[in-house]
Amino acid sequence: FFKRRGQTKTPAFRRLAYNTALSCLRLGKAYNTKGDSAEAIKAYEKSLHIIEEFKLRTGTEEMVREQLAGLYFARKDFARAREYAARAGATEPT
């Protein structure tokens, strides 16, 4: 996600990553409200990628996984829906 790996451990960079992940989450919600599930999934998965890359534990990860599970369920992709739903319940915010 970010090009300069040496700076990724600073608090400012982590805040930037968190804010970017939240922006992607909001974008996913907007696309979902609009009815564009493909774009919503892309935005949610980008948010999840950032959360995992920076090991952010704020409760956002669980929310993103729940949204992805719902979208995949609506698309009748039950295997992915089950995967995201199971992993949503396994995360613990700190």
Protein backbone atom coordinates (compact mmCIF):
# COMPACT_ATOMS: atom_id res chain seq x y z
CA PHE A 1 0.00 0.00 0.00
CA PHE A 2 2.59 2.57 1.05
CA LYS A 3 5.83 2.79 -0.91
CA ARG A 4 8.29 3.77 1.82
CA ARG A 5 8.41 0.81 4.16
CA GLY A 6 10.89 2.41 6.55
CA GLN A 7 8.35 5.01 7.64
CA THR A 8 5.45 2.65 8.20
CA LYS A 9 6.12 2.20 11.92
CA THR A 10 5.74 5.83 12.92
CA PRO A 11 2.55 6.84 14.73
CA ALA A 12 1.77 9.41 12.02
CA PHE A 13 1.95 6.74 9.32
CA ARG A 14 -0.25 4.39 11.33
CA ARG A 15 -2.84 7.17 11.76
CA LEU A 16 -2.71 7.77 8.01
CA ALA A 17 -3.22 4.06 7.37
CA TYR A 18 -6.14 3.95 9.81
CA ASN A 19 -7.79 7.00 8.24
CA THR A 20 -7.31 5.52 4.77
CA ALA A 21 -8.85 2.23 5.88
CA LEU A 22 -11.83 4.12 7.32
CA SER A 23 -12.20 6.09 4.08
CA CYS A 24 -12.29 2.84 2.10
CA LEU A 25 -14.87 1.50 4.56
CA ARG A 26 -17.06 4.57 4.01
CA LEU A 27 -16.61 4.30 0.26
CA GLY A 28 -17.68 0.66 0.42
CA LYS A 29 -20.79 1.64 2.36
CA ALA A 30 -21.61 4.33 -0.21
CA TYR A 31 -21.25 1.89 -3.11
CA ASN A 32 -23.33 -0.68 -1.24
CA THR A 33 -26.08 1.89 -0.62
CA LYS A 34 -25.98 2.78 -4.31
CA GLY A 35 -26.38 -0.92 -5.17
CA ASP A 36 -22.94 -1.39 -6.74
CA SER A 37 -21.80 -4.51 -4.91
CA ALA A 38 -18.73 -5.07 -7.11
CA GLU A 39 -17.26 -1.66 -6.25
CA ALA A 40 -18.31 -2.04 -2.62
CA ILE A 41 -16.40 -5.32 -2.41
CA LYS A 42 -13.30 -3.70 -3.94
CA ALA A 43 -13.41 -0.84 -1.43
CA TYR A 44 -13.99 -3.15 1.54
CA GLU A 45 -11.19 -5.48 0.46
CA LYS A 46 -8.81 -2.53 0.10
CA SER A 47 -9.75 -1.42 3.61
CA LEU A 48 -9.14 -4.93 4.90
CA HIS A 49 -5.77 -5.08 3.14
CA ILE A 50 -4.65 -1.87 4.86
CA ILE A 51 -5.92 -3.07 8.24
CA GLU A 52 -4.02 -6.34 7.90
CA GLU A 53 -0.85 -4.75 6.54
CA PHE A 54 -0.58 -2.38 9.50
CA LYS A 55 -2.07 -4.82 12.02
CA LEU A 56 -4.67 -2.27 13.04
CA ARG A 57 -6.92 -3.56 15.82
CA THR A 58 -9.74 -1.12 16.34
CA GLY A 59 -12.89 -3.12 15.66
CA THR A 60 -12.94 -1.92 12.08
CA GLU A 61 -11.64 -5.24 10.76
CA GLU A 62 -14.63 -7.10 12.15
CA MET A 63 -17.02 -4.57 10.63
CA VAL A 64 -15.39 -4.85 7.20
CA ARG A 65 -15.50 -8.64 7.30
CA GLU A 66 -19.19 -8.56 8.26
CA GLN A 67 -19.95 -6.24 5.34
CA LEU A 68 -18.03 -8.49 2.93
CA ALA A 69 -19.84 -11.57 4.27
CA GLY A 70 -23.19 -9.89 3.62
CA LEU A 71 -22.25 -8.82 0.11
CA TYR A 72 -20.93 -12.23 -0.86
CA PHE A 73 -24.04 -13.86 0.64
CA ALA A 74 -26.25 -11.58 -1.47
CA ARG A 75 -24.24 -12.61 -4.54
CA LYS A 76 -24.80 -16.26 -3.57
CA ASP A 77 -21.05 -16.82 -3.11
CA PHE A 78 -21.69 -18.81 0.04
CA ALA A 79 -18.15 -20.12 0.47
CA ARG A 80 -16.66 -16.61 0.66
CA ALA A 81 -19.58 -15.36 2.74
CA ARG A 82 -18.99 -18.14 5.26
CA GLU A 83 -15.22 -17.45 5.29
CA TYR A 84 -15.64 -13.74 6.02
CA ALA A 85 -18.39 -14.35 8.57
CA ALA A 86 -16.27 -16.88 10.44
CA ARG A 87 -13.24 -14.60 10.45
CA ALA A 88 -15.34 -11.63 11.59
CA GLY A 89 -16.20 -13.49 14.75
CA ALA A 90 -12.57 -14.49 15.36
CA THR A 91 -11.10 -10.97 15.54
CA GLU A 92 -10.61 -9.19 18.82
CA PRO A 93 -10.27 -5.40 18.96
CA THR A 94 -7.69 -4.06 21.41
